[in-house]
Amino acid sequence: MFLGVDGGGTKTAFCMVDRSGHVVARAQAASSYYFSHGIELVERVLKEGVDAVCAAAGVTPADVEYAFFGLPGYGEAARDLPVLNATPRAVLGHDRYACDNDMVCGWAGSLGAVDGINVISGTGSMTYGERLGRGVRVGGWSEMFGDEGSAHWIAVRGLNAFSRMGDGRLPEGPLAEVFRRHLELASDLDVIDVVHNQWQGDRSRIAALSRSVAEAAALGDEAATEILTDAGRELALLVDVTRERLEFGPDETVPVSFSGGTFGAHTVLEAFASGLKNRFTTYELRHPLYEPVVGAALYAAKLAGTPLDQPALDALRTARRTPASGEDDR
């Protein structure tokens, strides 16, 4: 039995996969993004989720052959690594596990853990790719000054467009009314109270406004459409830089896949695909094979030296569950 854990800015997903390629149990817990709430949060979330998924599978943590924990923020504060690396031991009671950034879950799930590049765009954004055993990360520099093309990035630009519409600096489009309705604003300036005072700048709640931007784009809002198009282009740029750093040759086909709820917006995915074609002719865009949390379990089996065989992988694909828009995030 292999345990996969995919942390994120909104939730942490857990799943147990057996050797025959069946998802035996699932569980979900709160976000394990600890930068805003303290590193102690990680153990609390992992314990809750591991206990729940083990109970659902009818096993104990001692029965887990190997586990992979994809944790948001992992590697982004070197001083925290000893604590993060040790935390699963306290939860599982053994050392049969590995930890890394949750970007690895997206790559392993989307591409089935083969050489290529995966781009993640949920609350945040980044790419992770592997070639010949070497991994490269690009992006993911936080919502304060990075995470281009992410849900948070889209939402902040949507809020900016809303403020300019409110002032008359931008012609009012459907975006204005969508935001007023969604945020239940008595006046446009109340958006400051909602985001800064009521939400306290919470990254997950802000990121969720990307859905309102997508809704406005579907209603024909030009500013919203431009924001989503720019997001797709930014994500294509992340992939292209990753390809260069991995030193894929000019004649090599580069498998590329994607994960994260932002791609639920058709305009983002379309602009992303178009951006890839304009940058490099031998990208092969693949739809995700598995969810990131399932990818984590697959990676656990691989790290244990007992990767699932092809019949098991086929069984897992047959039974896969397509995540809803916004379900996967960084």
C-alpha atoms as a PDB file:
ATOM      1  CA  MET A   1       0.000   0.000   0.000  1.00  0.00           C
ATOM      2  CA  PHE A   2       1.442   3.358  -1.063  1.00  0.00           C
ATOM      3  CA  LEU A   3       0.451   6.697   0.428  1.00  0.00           C
ATOM      4  CA  GLY A   4       0.398   9.874  -1.626  1.00  0.00           C
ATOM      5  CA  VAL A   5       0.030  13.306  -0.054  1.00  0.00           C
ATOM      6  CA  ASP A   6      -0.450  16.438  -2.149  1.00  0.00           C
ATOM      7  CA  GLY A   7      -0.338  19.642  -0.143  1.00  0.00           C
ATOM      8  CA  GLY A   8      -1.649  22.934  -1.408  1.00  0.00           C
ATOM      9  CA  GLY A   9      -2.640  26.472  -0.602  1.00  0.00           C
ATOM     10  CA  THR A  10      -6.303  25.531  -0.155  1.00  0.00           C
ATOM     11  CA  LYS A  11      -6.298  21.884   0.959  1.00  0.00           C
ATOM     12  CA  THR A  12      -4.152  18.801   1.457  1.00  0.00           C
ATOM     13  CA  ALA A  13      -5.212  15.617  -0.343  1.00  0.00           C
ATOM     14  CA  PHE A  14      -4.361  12.059   0.738  1.00  0.00           C
ATOM     15  CA  CYS A  15      -4.811   8.787  -1.121  1.00  0.00           C
ATOM     16  CA  MET A  16      -3.846   5.161  -0.647  1.00  0.00           C
ATOM     17  CA  VAL A  17      -3.030   3.108  -3.758  1.00  0.00           C
ATOM     18  CA  ASP A  18      -2.398  -0.626  -3.779  1.00  0.00           C
ATOM     19  CA  ARG A  19      -0.059  -2.604  -6.046  1.00  0.00           C
ATOM     20  CA  SER A  20      -2.873  -3.546  -8.419  1.00  0.00           C
ATOM     21  CA  GLY A  21      -3.579   0.090  -9.262  1.00  0.00           C
ATOM     22  CA  HIS A  22      -6.668   0.699  -7.149  1.00  0.00           C
ATOM     23  CA  VAL A  23      -7.257   3.822  -5.105  1.00  0.00           C
ATOM     24  CA  VAL A  24      -8.243   2.155  -1.853  1.00  0.00           C
ATOM     25  CA  ALA A  25      -9.055   5.287   0.121  1.00  0.00           C
ATOM     26  CA  ARG A  26      -9.007   9.079   0.022  1.00  0.00           C
ATOM     27  CA  ALA A  27      -9.062  11.827   2.600  1.00  0.00           C
ATOM     28  CA  GLN A  28      -8.764  15.579   2.702  1.00  0.00           C
ATOM     29  CA  ALA A  29      -7.504  18.037   5.302  1.00  0.00           C
ATOM     30  CA  ALA A  30      -6.829  21.751   5.536  1.00  0.00           C
ATOM     31  CA  SER A  31      -4.054  23.585   3.724  1.00  0.00           C
ATOM     32  CA  SER A  32      -0.512  22.635   4.725  1.00  0.00           C
ATOM     33  CA  TYR A  33       0.910  25.954   3.479  1.00  0.00           C
ATOM     34  CA  TYR A  34       2.602  27.000   6.693  1.00  0.00           C
ATOM     35  CA  PHE A  35       4.284  30.322   5.879  1.00  0.00           C
ATOM     36  CA  SER A  36       1.356  32.315   7.232  1.00  0.00           C
ATOM     37  CA  HIS A  37       0.446  30.039  10.159  1.00  0.00           C
ATOM     38  CA  GLY A  38       3.665  28.527  11.496  1.00  0.00           C
ATOM     39  CA  ILE A  39       5.476  25.284  10.731  1.00  0.00           C
ATOM     40  CA  GLU A  40       3.610  23.457  13.519  1.00  0.00           C
ATOM     41  CA  LEU A  41       0.607  23.498  11.188  1.00  0.00           C
ATOM     42  CA  VAL A  42       2.192  20.838   8.977  1.00  0.00           C
ATOM     43  CA  GLU A  43       2.211  18.073  11.581  1.00  0.00           C
ATOM     44  CA  ARG A  44      -1.380  18.810  12.632  1.00  0.00           C
ATOM     45  CA  VAL A  45      -2.640  18.641   9.043  1.00  0.00           C
ATOM     46  CA  LEU A  46      -0.631  15.548   8.145  1.00  0.00           C
ATOM     47  CA  LYS A  47      -1.742  13.674  11.246  1.00  0.00           C
ATOM     48  CA  GLU A  48      -5.387  14.460  10.598  1.00  0.00           C
ATOM     49  CA  GLY A  49      -5.181  13.358   6.978  1.00  0.00           C
ATOM     50  CA  VAL A  50      -3.055  10.254   7.520  1.00  0.00           C
ATOM     51  CA  ASP A  51      -5.311   9.062  10.334  1.00  0.00           C
ATOM     52  CA  ALA A  52      -8.380   9.621   8.145  1.00  0.00           C
ATOM     53  CA  VAL A  53      -7.062   7.886   5.023  1.00  0.00           C
ATOM     54  CA  CYS A  54      -5.716   4.935   7.020  1.00  0.00           C
ATOM     55  CA  ALA A  55      -9.055   4.530   8.777  1.00  0.00           C
ATOM     56  CA  ALA A  56     -10.866   4.623   5.438  1.00  0.00           C
ATOM     57  CA  ALA A  57      -8.490   2.000   4.018  1.00  0.00           C
ATOM     58  CA  GLY A  58      -8.726  -0.200   7.102  1.00  0.00           C
ATOM     59  CA  VAL A  59      -4.973  -0.078   7.737  1.00  0.00           C
ATOM     60  CA  THR A  60      -2.570   1.559  10.167  1.00  0.00           C
ATOM     61  CA  PRO A  61       0.327   3.884   9.302  1.00  0.00           C
ATOM     62  CA  ALA A  62       2.660   0.940   9.978  1.00  0.00           C
ATOM     63  CA  ASP A  63       1.070  -0.872   7.016  1.00  0.00           C
ATOM     64  CA  VAL A  64       2.130   1.832   4.562  1.00  0.00           C
ATOM     65  CA  GLU A  65       4.950   0.437   2.431  1.00  0.00           C
ATOM     66  CA  TYR A  66       6.159   3.870   1.367  1.00  0.00           C
ATOM     67  CA  ALA A  67       4.790   7.406   1.330  1.00  0.00           C
ATOM     68  CA  PHE A  68       5.546  10.576  -0.564  1.00  0.00           C
ATOM     69  CA  PHE A  69       4.657  13.944   0.943  1.00  0.00           C
ATOM     70  CA  GLY A  70       4.440  16.849  -1.490  1.00  0.00           C
ATOM     71  CA  LEU A  71       4.483  19.941   0.729  1.00  0.00           C
ATOM     72  CA  PRO A  72       3.833  23.531  -0.353  1.00  0.00           C
ATOM     73  CA  GLY A  73       6.759  25.779   0.478  1.00  0.00           C
ATOM     74  CA  TYR A  74       9.194  22.863   0.770  1.00  0.00           C
ATOM     75  CA  GLY A  75      12.670  24.036  -0.208  1.00  0.00           C
ATOM     76  CA  GLU A  76      11.726  27.710  -0.083  1.00  0.00           C
ATOM     77  CA  ALA A  77      13.167  28.236   3.421  1.00  0.00           C
ATOM     78  CA  ALA A  78      16.306  26.147   3.932  1.00  0.00           C
ATOM     79  CA  ARG A  79      16.173  26.487   7.714  1.00  0.00           C
ATOM     80  CA  ASP A  80      12.805  24.701   7.781  1.00  0.00           C
ATOM     81  CA  LEU A  81      13.910  21.577   5.913  1.00  0.00           C
ATOM     82  CA  PRO A  82      15.044  19.557   8.969  1.00  0.00           C
ATOM     83  CA  VAL A  83      11.639  20.036  10.599  1.00  0.00           C
ATOM     84  CA  LEU A  84       9.685  19.292   7.425  1.00  0.00           C
ATOM     85  CA  ASN A  85      11.755  16.201   6.692  1.00  0.00           C
ATOM     86  CA  ALA A  86      11.211  14.857  10.201  1.00  0.00           C
ATOM     87  CA  THR A  87       7.504  15.644  10.536  1.00  0.00           C
ATOM     88  CA  PRO A  88       6.117  12.597   8.651  1.00  0.00           C
ATOM     89  CA  ARG A  89       8.128  10.311  10.945  1.00  0.00           C
ATOM     90  CA  ALA A  90       6.111  11.538  13.905  1.00  0.00           C
ATOM     91  CA  VAL A  91       2.890  10.881  11.984  1.00  0.00           C
ATOM     92  CA  LEU A  92       3.725   7.514  10.426  1.00  0.00           C
ATOM     93  CA  GLY A  93       5.944   6.080  13.128  1.00  0.00           C
ATOM     94  CA  HIS A  94       8.527   4.905  10.574  1.00  0.00           C
ATOM     95  CA  ASP A  95      11.026   6.220   8.008  1.00  0.00           C
ATOM     96  CA  ARG A  96       9.557   4.763   4.826  1.00  0.00           C
ATOM     97  CA  TYR A  97       8.787   8.086   3.189  1.00  0.00           C
ATOM     98  CA  ALA A  98      10.241  11.017   1.298  1.00  0.00           C
ATOM     99  CA  CYS A  99       9.367  14.706   1.149  1.00  0.00           C
ATOM    100  CA  ASP A 100       9.644  17.326  -1.555  1.00  0.00           C
ATOM    101  CA  ASN A 101       7.718  20.277  -2.927  1.00  0.00           C
ATOM    102  CA  ASP A 102       4.157  19.586  -4.038  1.00  0.00           C
ATOM    103  CA  MET A 103       5.218  20.465  -7.591  1.00  0.00           C
ATOM    104  CA  VAL A 104       6.589  16.916  -7.847  1.00  0.00           C
ATOM    105  CA  CYS A 105       3.065  15.541  -7.318  1.00  0.00           C
ATOM    106  CA  GLY A 106       1.778  17.492 -10.288  1.00  0.00           C
ATOM    107  CA  TRP A 107       4.603  16.281 -12.518  1.00  0.00           C
ATOM    108  CA  ALA A 108       4.348  12.640 -11.426  1.00  0.00           C
ATOM    109  CA  GLY A 109       0.579  12.624 -11.841  1.00  0.00           C
ATOM    110  CA  SER A 110       0.339  14.492 -15.105  1.00  0.00           C
ATOM    111  CA  LEU A 111       3.105  12.657 -16.957  1.00  0.00           C
ATOM    112  CA  GLY A 112       3.174   9.370 -15.089  1.00  0.00           C
ATOM    113  CA  ALA A 113       6.650  10.227 -13.733  1.00  0.00           C
ATOM    114  CA  VAL A 114       8.386  10.198 -17.141  1.00  0.00           C
ATOM    115  CA  ASP A 115      10.810  12.805 -18.510  1.00  0.00           C
ATOM    116  CA  GLY A 116       9.059  16.029 -19.411  1.00  0.00           C
ATOM    117  CA  ILE A 117       7.655  19.190 -17.890  1.00  0.00           C
ATOM    118  CA  ASN A 118       4.552  19.894 -15.866  1.00  0.00           C
ATOM    119  CA  VAL A 119       3.225  23.349 -15.146  1.00  0.00           C
ATOM    120  CA  ILE A 120       1.130  23.911 -12.042  1.00  0.00           C
ATOM    121  CA  SER A 121      -1.293  26.783 -11.850  1.00  0.00           C
ATOM    122  CA  GLY A 122      -3.556  26.794  -8.838  1.00  0.00           C
ATOM    123  CA  THR A 123      -3.338  29.296  -6.005  1.00  0.00           C
ATOM    124  CA  GLY A 124       0.290  29.763  -7.068  1.00  0.00           C
ATOM    125  CA  SER A 125       2.237  28.706 -10.145  1.00  0.00           C
ATOM    126  CA  MET A 126       5.502  27.016 -11.098  1.00  0.00           C
ATOM    127  CA  THR A 127       6.925  24.334 -13.330  1.00  0.00           C
ATOM    128  CA  TYR A 128       8.784  21.166 -12.533  1.00  0.00           C
ATOM    129  CA  GLY A 129      10.481  19.003 -15.107  1.00  0.00           C
ATOM    130  CA  GLU A 130      12.847  16.064 -15.244  1.00  0.00           C
ATOM    131  CA  ARG A 131      15.247  14.822 -17.880  1.00  0.00           C
ATOM    132  CA  LEU A 132      17.681  11.947 -17.406  1.00  0.00           C
ATOM    133  CA  GLY A 133      17.272  11.949 -13.651  1.00  0.00           C
ATOM    134  CA  ARG A 134      17.761  15.701 -13.154  1.00  0.00           C
ATOM    135  CA  GLY A 135      14.925  17.899 -11.922  1.00  0.00           C
ATOM    136  CA  VAL A 136      14.432  21.633 -12.475  1.00  0.00           C
ATOM    137  CA  ARG A 137      11.969  24.045 -10.935  1.00  0.00           C
ATOM    138  CA  VAL A 138      11.056  27.415 -12.451  1.00  0.00           C
ATOM    139  CA  GLY A 139       8.717  30.010 -10.907  1.00  0.00           C
ATOM    140  CA  GLY A 140       6.856  29.767  -7.639  1.00  0.00           C
ATOM    141  CA  TRP A 141       8.374  32.916  -6.164  1.00  0.00           C
ATOM    142  CA  SER A 142       5.264  33.696  -4.040  1.00  0.00           C
ATOM    143  CA  GLU A 143       2.211  35.803  -4.664  1.00  0.00           C
ATOM    144  CA  MET A 144       3.978  38.943  -3.458  1.00  0.00           C
ATOM    145  CA  PHE A 145       6.292  39.207  -6.453  1.00  0.00           C
ATOM    146  CA  GLY A 146       5.824  36.111  -8.583  1.00  0.00           C
ATOM    147  CA  ASP A 147       3.428  33.221  -9.290  1.00  0.00           C
ATOM    148  CA  GLU A 148       2.668  34.628 -12.729  1.00  0.00           C
ATOM    149  CA  GLY A 149      -0.318  33.016 -14.392  1.00  0.00           C
ATOM    150  CA  SER A 150      -1.691  31.640 -11.124  1.00  0.00           C
ATOM    151  CA  ALA A 151      -5.175  32.037  -9.705  1.00  0.00           C
ATOM    152  CA  HIS A 152      -3.870  34.621  -7.221  1.00  0.00           C
ATOM    153  CA  TRP A 153      -2.125  36.543 -10.019  1.00  0.00           C
ATOM    154  CA  ILE A 154      -5.316  36.502 -12.100  1.00  0.00           C
ATOM    155  CA  ALA A 155      -7.435  37.605  -9.137  1.00  0.00           C
ATOM    156  CA  VAL A 156      -5.171  40.530  -8.217  1.00  0.00           C
ATOM    157  CA  ARG A 157      -5.295  41.761 -11.793  1.00  0.00           C
ATOM    158  CA  GLY A 158      -9.042  41.308 -11.761  1.00  0.00           C
ATOM    159  CA  LEU A 159      -9.268  43.437  -8.633  1.00  0.00           C
ATOM    160  CA  ASN A 160      -7.085  46.051 -10.291  1.00  0.00           C
ATOM    161  CA  ALA A 161      -9.372  46.102 -13.336  1.00  0.00           C
ATOM    162  CA  PHE A 162     -12.399  46.398 -11.040  1.00  0.00           C
ATOM    163  CA  SER A 163     -10.858  49.393  -9.254  1.00  0.00           C
ATOM    164  CA  ARG A 164     -10.109  51.127 -12.550  1.00  0.00           C
ATOM    165  CA  MET A 165     -13.641  50.469 -13.741  1.00  0.00           C
ATOM    166  CA  GLY A 166     -14.946  51.927 -10.492  1.00  0.00           C
ATOM    167  CA  ASP A 167     -12.952  55.121 -11.072  1.00  0.00           C
ATOM    168  CA  GLY A 168     -13.759  55.380 -14.745  1.00  0.00           C
ATOM    169  CA  ARG A 169     -10.124  54.804 -15.764  1.00  0.00           C
ATOM    170  CA  LEU A 170     -11.331  51.720 -17.620  1.00  0.00           C
ATOM    171  CA  PRO A 171     -14.660  51.328 -19.429  1.00  0.00           C
ATOM    172  CA  GLU A 172     -17.007  49.282 -17.272  1.00  0.00           C
ATOM    173  CA  GLY A 173     -17.575  45.746 -18.477  1.00  0.00           C
ATOM    174  CA  PRO A 174     -19.296  42.663 -17.053  1.00  0.00           C
ATOM    175  CA  LEU A 175     -16.385  42.197 -14.613  1.00  0.00           C
ATOM    176  CA  ALA A 176     -17.617  45.092 -12.482  1.00  0.00           C
ATOM    177  CA  GLU A 177     -21.055  43.613 -11.885  1.00  0.00           C
ATOM    178  CA  VAL A 178     -19.675  40.103 -11.367  1.00  0.00           C
ATOM    179  CA  PHE A 179     -17.392  41.377  -8.592  1.00  0.00           C
ATOM    180  CA  ARG A 180     -20.124  43.507  -7.005  1.00  0.00           C
ATOM    181  CA  ARG A 181     -22.460  40.527  -6.882  1.00  0.00           C
ATOM    182  CA  HIS A 182     -19.915  37.982  -5.716  1.00  0.00           C
ATOM    183  CA  LEU A 183     -18.482  40.227  -2.980  1.00  0.00           C
ATOM    184  CA  GLU A 184     -21.880  41.650  -2.019  1.00  0.00           C
ATOM    185  CA  LEU A 185     -20.587  45.208  -2.228  1.00  0.00           C
ATOM    186  CA  ALA A 186     -22.793  48.105  -1.141  1.00  0.00           C
ATOM    187  CA  SER A 187     -20.324  50.419  -2.864  1.00  0.00           C
ATOM    188  CA  ASP A 188     -17.280  49.739  -4.985  1.00  0.00           C
ATOM    189  CA  LEU A 189     -14.897  51.029  -2.311  1.00  0.00           C
ATOM    190  CA  ASP A 190     -16.157  48.297   0.035  1.00  0.00           C
ATOM    191  CA  VAL A 191     -13.855  45.924  -1.829  1.00  0.00           C
ATOM    192  CA  ILE A 192     -11.011  47.369   0.274  1.00  0.00           C
ATOM    193  CA  ASP A 193     -12.807  46.381   3.468  1.00  0.00           C
ATOM    194  CA  VAL A 194     -13.550  42.889   2.167  1.00  0.00           C
ATOM    195  CA  VAL A 195     -10.040  42.052   0.959  1.00  0.00           C
ATOM    196  CA  HIS A 196      -7.948  43.833   3.585  1.00  0.00           C
ATOM    197  CA  ASN A 197     -10.087  43.824   6.721  1.00  0.00           C
ATOM    198  CA  GLN A 198     -12.488  40.905   6.466  1.00  0.00           C
ATOM    199  CA  TRP A 199     -10.177  38.548   4.561  1.00  0.00           C
ATOM    200  CA  GLN A 200      -6.948  39.930   6.017  1.00  0.00           C
ATOM    201  CA  GLY A 201      -5.378  39.470   2.589  1.00  0.00           C
ATOM    202  CA  ASP A 202      -5.858  35.689   2.752  1.00  0.00           C
ATOM    203  CA  ARG A 203      -4.187  34.251  -0.367  1.00  0.00           C
ATOM    204  CA  SER A 204      -6.693  31.427  -0.853  1.00  0.00           C
ATOM    205  CA  ARG A 205      -9.752  33.667  -0.670  1.00  0.00           C
ATOM    206  CA  ILE A 206      -8.170  36.170  -3.021  1.00  0.00           C
ATOM    207  CA  ALA A 207      -7.156  33.413  -5.446  1.00  0.00           C
ATOM    208  CA  ALA A 208     -10.745  32.165  -5.543  1.00  0.00           C
ATOM    209  CA  LEU A 209     -11.699  35.446  -7.233  1.00  0.00           C
ATOM    210  CA  SER A 210     -10.018  34.109 -10.372  1.00  0.00           C
ATOM    211  CA  ARG A 211     -13.285  32.250 -10.985  1.00  0.00           C
ATOM    212  CA  SER A 212     -15.086  35.587 -11.096  1.00  0.00           C
ATOM    213  CA  VAL A 213     -12.574  36.817 -13.668  1.00  0.00           C
ATOM    214  CA  ALA A 214     -13.255  33.693 -15.750  1.00  0.00           C
ATOM    215  CA  GLU A 215     -17.001  34.252 -15.392  1.00  0.00           C
ATOM    216  CA  ALA A 216     -16.626  37.835 -16.604  1.00  0.00           C
ATOM    217  CA  ALA A 217     -14.521  36.708 -19.565  1.00  0.00           C
ATOM    218  CA  ALA A 218     -17.251  34.241 -20.533  1.00  0.00           C
ATOM    219  CA  LEU A 219     -19.670  37.187 -20.513  1.00  0.00           C
ATOM    220  CA  GLY A 220     -17.474  39.026 -22.992  1.00  0.00           C
ATOM    221  CA  ASP A 221     -15.459  41.282 -20.681  1.00  0.00           C
ATOM    222  CA  GLU A 222     -12.390  42.388 -22.656  1.00  0.00           C
ATOM    223  CA  ALA A 223     -10.239  43.180 -19.620  1.00  0.00           C
ATOM    224  CA  ALA A 224     -10.963  39.791 -18.056  1.00  0.00           C
ATOM    225  CA  THR A 225     -10.210  38.003 -21.312  1.00  0.00           C
ATOM    226  CA  GLU A 226      -6.901  39.839 -21.612  1.00  0.00           C
ATOM    227  CA  ILE A 227      -5.965  38.849 -18.049  1.00  0.00           C
ATOM    228  CA  LEU A 228      -6.639  35.166 -18.728  1.00  0.00           C
ATOM    229  CA  THR A 229      -4.779  35.300 -22.039  1.00  0.00           C
ATOM    230  CA  ASP A 230      -1.759  36.886 -20.365  1.00  0.00           C
ATOM    231  CA  ALA A 231      -1.889  34.152 -17.714  1.00  0.00           C
ATOM    232  CA  GLY A 232      -1.655  31.442 -20.369  1.00  0.00           C
ATOM    233  CA  ARG A 233       1.291  33.181 -22.010  1.00  0.00           C
ATOM    234  CA  GLU A 234       3.128  33.524 -18.684  1.00  0.00           C
ATOM    235  CA  LEU A 235       2.680  29.812 -18.027  1.00  0.00           C
ATOM    236  CA  ALA A 236       4.050  28.993 -21.500  1.00  0.00           C
ATOM    237  CA  LEU A 237       7.119  31.103 -20.712  1.00  0.00           C
ATOM    238  CA  LEU A 238       7.710  29.114 -17.515  1.00  0.00           C
ATOM    239  CA  VAL A 239       7.679  25.895 -19.547  1.00  0.00           C
ATOM    240  CA  ASP A 240      10.041  27.255 -22.178  1.00  0.00           C
ATOM    241  CA  VAL A 241      12.635  28.334 -19.627  1.00  0.00           C
ATOM    242  CA  THR A 242      12.360  24.942 -17.926  1.00  0.00           C
ATOM    243  CA  ARG A 243      13.033  23.221 -21.266  1.00  0.00           C
ATOM    244  CA  GLU A 244      16.154  25.310 -21.779  1.00  0.00           C
ATOM    245  CA  ARG A 245      17.466  24.614 -18.279  1.00  0.00           C
ATOM    246  CA  LEU A 246      16.877  20.874 -18.693  1.00  0.00           C
ATOM    247  CA  GLU A 247      18.872  21.055 -21.937  1.00  0.00           C
ATOM    248  CA  PHE A 248      16.393  19.274 -24.149  1.00  0.00           C
ATOM    249  CA  GLY A 249      17.893  19.135 -27.632  1.00  0.00           C
ATOM    250  CA  PRO A 250      16.311  20.907 -30.628  1.00  0.00           C
ATOM    251  CA  ASP A 251      15.245  17.577 -32.121  1.00  0.00           C
ATOM    252  CA  GLU A 252      13.815  16.132 -28.894  1.00  0.00           C
ATOM    253  CA  THR A 253      10.088  15.973 -28.350  1.00  0.00           C
ATOM    254  CA  VAL A 254       9.295  17.513 -24.972  1.00  0.00           C
ATOM    255  CA  PRO A 255       6.220  16.098 -23.213  1.00  0.00           C
ATOM    256  CA  VAL A 256       4.338  18.893 -21.430  1.00  0.00           C
ATOM    257  CA  SER A 257       1.356  18.585 -19.170  1.00  0.00           C
ATOM    258  CA  PHE A 258      -0.501  20.764 -16.708  1.00  0.00           C
ATOM    259  CA  SER A 259      -2.285  20.626 -13.393  1.00  0.00           C
ATOM    260  CA  GLY A 260      -4.234  23.065 -11.259  1.00  0.00           C
ATOM    261  CA  GLY A 261      -7.651  24.639 -11.299  1.00  0.00           C
ATOM    262  CA  THR A 262      -6.598  27.695 -13.325  1.00  0.00           C
ATOM    263  CA  PHE A 263      -6.561  25.526 -16.441  1.00  0.00           C
ATOM    264  CA  GLY A 264     -10.303  25.050 -15.981  1.00  0.00           C
ATOM    265  CA  ALA A 265     -10.630  28.428 -17.709  1.00  0.00           C
ATOM    266  CA  HIS A 266     -10.673  27.670 -21.445  1.00  0.00           C
ATOM    267  CA  THR A 267      -9.043  30.981 -22.322  1.00  0.00           C
ATOM    268  CA  VAL A 268      -6.029  30.199 -20.121  1.00  0.00           C
ATOM    269  CA  LEU A 269      -5.539  26.741 -21.596  1.00  0.00           C
ATOM    270  CA  GLU A 270      -5.964  28.005 -25.157  1.00  0.00           C
ATOM    271  CA  ALA A 271      -3.439  30.814 -24.676  1.00  0.00           C
ATOM    272  CA  PHE A 272      -1.044  28.394 -22.977  1.00  0.00           C
ATOM    273  CA  ALA A 273      -1.207  25.893 -25.838  1.00  0.00           C
ATOM    274  CA  SER A 274      -0.803  28.655 -28.414  1.00  0.00           C
ATOM    275  CA  GLY A 275       2.145  30.100 -26.506  1.00  0.00           C
ATOM    276  CA  LEU A 276       3.914  26.744 -26.492  1.00  0.00           C
ATOM    277  CA  LYS A 277       3.526  26.365 -30.274  1.00  0.00           C
ATOM    278  CA  ASN A 278       4.921  29.845 -30.842  1.00  0.00           C
ATOM    279  CA  ARG A 279       7.989  29.157 -28.676  1.00  0.00           C
ATOM    280  CA  PHE A 280       9.130  25.663 -29.610  1.00  0.00           C
ATOM    281  CA  THR A 281       7.798  23.385 -32.305  1.00  0.00           C
ATOM    282  CA  THR A 282       8.398  20.014 -30.650  1.00  0.00           C
ATOM    283  CA  TYR A 283       6.355  20.408 -27.473  1.00  0.00           C
ATOM    284  CA  GLU A 284       3.840  17.608 -27.095  1.00  0.00           C
ATOM    285  CA  LEU A 285       0.975  18.814 -24.941  1.00  0.00           C
ATOM    286  CA  ARG A 286      -0.562  15.962 -23.000  1.00  0.00           C
ATOM    287  CA  HIS A 287      -3.653  15.984 -20.869  1.00  0.00           C
ATOM    288  CA  PRO A 288      -2.926  14.891 -17.300  1.00  0.00           C
ATOM    289  CA  LEU A 289      -2.878  11.124 -16.779  1.00  0.00           C
ATOM    290  CA  TYR A 290      -3.592  11.180 -13.058  1.00  0.00           C
ATOM    291  CA  GLU A 291      -4.404  13.619 -10.291  1.00  0.00           C
ATOM    292  CA  PRO A 292      -1.440  15.070  -8.392  1.00  0.00           C
ATOM    293  CA  VAL A 293      -2.345  13.132  -5.242  1.00  0.00           C
ATOM    294  CA  VAL A 294      -2.358   9.886  -7.234  1.00  0.00           C
ATOM    295  CA  GLY A 295       0.936  10.974  -8.766  1.00  0.00           C
ATOM    296  CA  ALA A 296       2.320  11.261  -5.236  1.00  0.00           C
ATOM    297  CA  ALA A 297       1.379   7.646  -4.557  1.00  0.00           C
ATOM    298  CA  LEU A 298       2.942   6.551  -7.865  1.00  0.00           C
ATOM    299  CA  TYR A 299       6.110   8.396  -6.948  1.00  0.00           C
ATOM    300  CA  ALA A 300       6.110   6.709  -3.546  1.00  0.00           C
ATOM    301  CA  ALA A 301       6.057   3.321  -5.263  1.00  0.00           C
ATOM    302  CA  LYS A 302       8.875   4.394  -7.579  1.00  0.00           C
ATOM    303  CA  LEU A 303      11.021   5.679  -4.708  1.00  0.00           C
ATOM    304  CA  ALA A 304      10.461   2.402  -2.878  1.00  0.00           C
ATOM    305  CA  GLY A 305      12.034   0.613  -5.833  1.00  0.00           C
ATOM    306  CA  THR A 306       8.762  -1.130  -6.701  1.00  0.00           C
ATOM    307  CA  PRO A 307       7.044   1.037  -9.334  1.00  0.00           C
ATOM    308  CA  LEU A 308       3.578  -0.051 -10.401  1.00  0.00           C
ATOM    309  CA  ASP A 309       3.572  -2.266 -13.478  1.00  0.00           C
ATOM    310  CA  GLN A 310       1.737  -1.374 -16.682  1.00  0.00           C
ATOM    311  CA  PRO A 311      -1.465  -3.316 -15.890  1.00  0.00           C
ATOM    312  CA  ALA A 312      -1.686  -1.468 -12.571  1.00  0.00           C
ATOM    313  CA  LEU A 313      -1.098   1.885 -14.273  1.00  0.00           C
ATOM    314  CA  ASP A 314      -3.787   1.070 -16.823  1.00  0.00           C
ATOM    315  CA  ALA A 315      -6.209   0.127 -14.054  1.00  0.00           C
ATOM    316  CA  LEU A 316      -5.447   3.391 -12.305  1.00  0.00           C
ATOM    317  CA  ARG A 317      -6.150   5.355 -15.473  1.00  0.00           C
ATOM    318  CA  THR A 318      -9.446   3.573 -16.030  1.00  0.00           C
ATOM    319  CA  ALA A 319     -10.605   4.468 -12.551  1.00  0.00           C
ATOM    320  CA  ARG A 320      -9.157   7.970 -12.478  1.00  0.00           C
ATOM    321  CA  ARG A 321     -11.232  10.850 -11.182  1.00  0.00           C
ATOM    322  CA  THR A 322     -11.022  14.145 -13.005  1.00  0.00           C
ATOM    323  CA  PRO A 323     -10.527  16.989 -10.509  1.00  0.00           C
ATOM    324  CA  ALA A 324     -12.949  19.871 -10.621  1.00  0.00           C
ATOM    325  CA  SER A 325     -11.802  23.358 -11.524  1.00  0.00           C
ATOM    326  CA  GLY A 326      -9.869  24.838  -8.650  1.00  0.00           C
ATOM    327  CA  GLU A 327      -9.332  21.504  -6.920  1.00  0.00           C
ATOM    328  CA  ASP A 328      -5.575  21.263  -7.501  1.00  0.00           C
ATOM    329  CA  ASP A 329      -3.393  24.056  -6.336  1.00  0.00           C
ATOM    330  CA  ARG A 330      -0.035  24.923  -5.076  1.00  0.00           C
END
